[in-house]
Protein backbone atom coordinates (compact mmCIF):
# COMPACT_ATOMS: atom_id res chain seq x y z
CA MET A 1 11.87 16.93 16.56
CA ASN A 2 10.15 14.53 14.17
CA ASP A 3 7.94 17.28 12.73
CA ILE A 4 10.94 19.54 12.17
CA SER A 5 12.89 16.84 10.34
CA ARG A 6 9.78 16.08 8.28
CA TYR A 7 9.51 19.71 7.18
CA VAL A 8 13.25 19.99 6.51
CA ARG A 9 13.12 16.84 4.37
CA TRP A 10 10.11 18.26 2.47
CA PHE A 11 11.93 21.56 1.95
CA VAL A 12 15.14 19.94 0.69
CA ILE A 13 13.46 17.47 -1.69
CA ASN A 14 10.99 19.99 -3.06
CA GLY A 15 13.62 22.71 -3.18
CA LEU A 16 15.83 20.56 -5.40
CA PHE A 17 12.83 19.74 -7.59
CA TYR A 18 11.90 23.43 -7.94
CA VAL A 19 15.50 24.38 -8.74
CA ALA A 20 15.53 21.71 -11.47
CA LEU A 21 12.19 23.02 -12.77
CA TYR A 22 13.42 26.60 -12.88
CA TYR A 23 16.76 25.91 -14.54
CA GLY A 24 15.31 23.28 -16.85
CA PHE A 25 12.27 25.14 -18.11
CA PHE A 26 13.14 28.82 -17.70
CA GLU A 27 16.92 28.82 -18.15
CA ASN A 28 16.76 26.03 -20.76
CA ILE A 29 19.39 23.75 -19.20
CA GLU A 30 18.68 20.31 -20.65
CA ALA A 31 20.04 18.22 -17.74
CA ALA A 32 17.96 20.12 -15.19
CA LYS A 33 14.87 19.76 -17.40
CA ASN A 34 15.44 16.00 -17.65
CA ILE A 35 15.79 15.72 -13.86
CA ALA A 36 12.61 17.74 -13.32
CA LEU A 37 10.69 15.66 -15.84
CA PHE A 38 11.99 12.41 -14.36
CA PHE A 39 10.92 13.36 -10.83
CA GLY A 40 7.65 14.75 -12.16
CA TRP A 41 6.84 11.49 -13.91
CA ILE A 42 7.86 9.35 -10.93
CA THR A 43 5.76 11.49 -8.60
CA GLY A 44 2.84 11.57 -11.02
CA ILE A 45 2.78 7.84 -11.73
CA LEU A 46 3.21 6.76 -8.11
CA GLY A 47 0.65 9.35 -7.03
CA THR A 48 -1.81 8.03 -9.60
CA PHE A 49 -1.39 4.52 -8.19
CA VAL A 50 -2.04 5.89 -4.69
CA PHE A 51 -5.09 7.73 -6.03
CA ILE A 52 -6.48 4.48 -7.49
CA VAL A 53 -5.91 2.62 -4.21
CA LEU A 54 -7.55 5.44 -2.25
CA VAL A 55 -10.58 5.47 -4.53
CA THR A 56 -11.09 1.74 -4.07
CA ASN A 57 -10.23 1.43 -0.34
CA GLU A 58 -10.09 4.89 1.22
CA GLU A 59 -11.27 4.01 4.74
CA LYS A 60 -8.94 1.00 5.04
CA VAL A 61 -5.93 2.90 3.69
CA ILE A 62 -6.45 5.92 5.96
CA ASN A 63 -6.90 3.71 9.02
CA HIS A 64 -3.68 1.87 8.15
CA ILE A 65 -1.80 5.15 7.70
CA LEU A 66 -3.06 6.55 11.01
CA LYS A 67 -2.35 3.28 12.84
CA ASN A 68 1.29 3.52 11.73
CA GLY A 69 1.76 6.93 13.35
CA TYR A 70 1.07 9.34 10.48
CA THR A 71 -0.03 12.79 11.54
CA PRO A 72 -1.29 15.17 8.87
CA PRO A 73 0.60 18.44 8.44
CA SER A 74 -0.76 21.72 9.66
CA SER A 75 -3.29 23.51 7.48
CA MET A 76 -0.77 26.26 6.72
CA PHE A 77 1.86 23.77 5.54
CA ALA A 78 -0.74 21.89 3.47
CA SER A 79 -1.82 25.18 1.86
CA ILE A 80 1.76 26.11 0.97
CA ASP A 81 2.30 22.62 -0.46
CA LEU A 82 -0.90 22.92 -2.52
CA ILE A 83 0.17 26.27 -3.96
CA ASN A 84 3.55 24.78 -4.90
CA ASP A 85 1.88 21.78 -6.54
CA LEU A 86 -0.45 24.01 -8.55
CA ILE A 87 2.52 26.05 -9.75
CA VAL A 88 4.28 22.85 -10.85
CA ILE A 89 1.15 21.76 -12.75
CA ALA A 90 0.95 25.20 -14.40
CA ILE A 91 4.60 24.96 -15.48
CA PHE A 92 4.03 21.51 -16.99
CA VAL A 93 0.98 22.77 -18.91
CA ALA A 94 2.71 25.97 -20.03
CA PHE A 95 5.62 23.99 -21.47
CA SER A 96 3.41 21.46 -23.30
CA HIS A 97 3.62 18.55 -20.86
CA GLU A 98 -0.13 18.16 -20.43
CA VAL A 99 -0.13 14.39 -19.88
CA LEU A 100 2.45 14.78 -17.11
CA ALA A 101 0.32 17.56 -15.61
CA VAL A 102 -2.70 15.22 -15.48
CA PHE A 103 -0.68 12.48 -13.73
CA TYR A 104 0.76 15.06 -11.33
CA PHE A 105 -2.76 16.34 -10.67
CA PHE A 106 -3.86 12.84 -9.62
CA GLN A 107 -0.94 12.79 -7.19
CA VAL A 108 -2.15 16.10 -5.75
CA LEU A 109 -5.69 14.70 -5.36
CA ALA A 110 -4.35 11.62 -3.56
CA LEU A 111 -2.13 13.65 -1.26
CA TYR A 112 -4.85 16.07 -0.23
CA SER A 113 -7.34 13.26 0.20
CA ILE A 114 -4.93 11.72 2.70
CA TYR A 115 -4.41 15.09 4.43
CA HIS A 116 -8.12 15.85 4.66
CA THR A 117 -9.43 12.38 5.53
CA SER A 118 -6.74 11.67 8.10
CA ARG A 119 -7.39 15.02 9.79
CA ASN A 120 -11.11 14.16 9.96
CA GLN A 121 -10.39 10.66 11.26
CA MET A 122 -8.15 12.05 14.00
CA GLY A 123 -10.99 14.34 15.07
CA LYS A 124 -13.31 11.41 15.72
């Protein structure tokens, strides 16, 4: 049940973000664009902080995450999430938000570092 609620939560949060991206950037609705940019910046900045912490203390952080019950998502889910993140980065670049795209990219690096390293740690 926990995995299902995790995926439903991911779908709802990301779905709302993608709807805001679409209506904000492609349908030119200013409020939706502001919401998408706000969540993009929040995600990018927090993800960059996580990236910095991971670079300085990766082993300690991953062990802490695994000790608290984190299980990495399946490879298929991680692949779908990666494709979605790359599309978001492409949208930010295409609409001249390159700095945001760089911050968002660091968030993607941090996230997939956690996915990959935690999966390897669980295999040990």
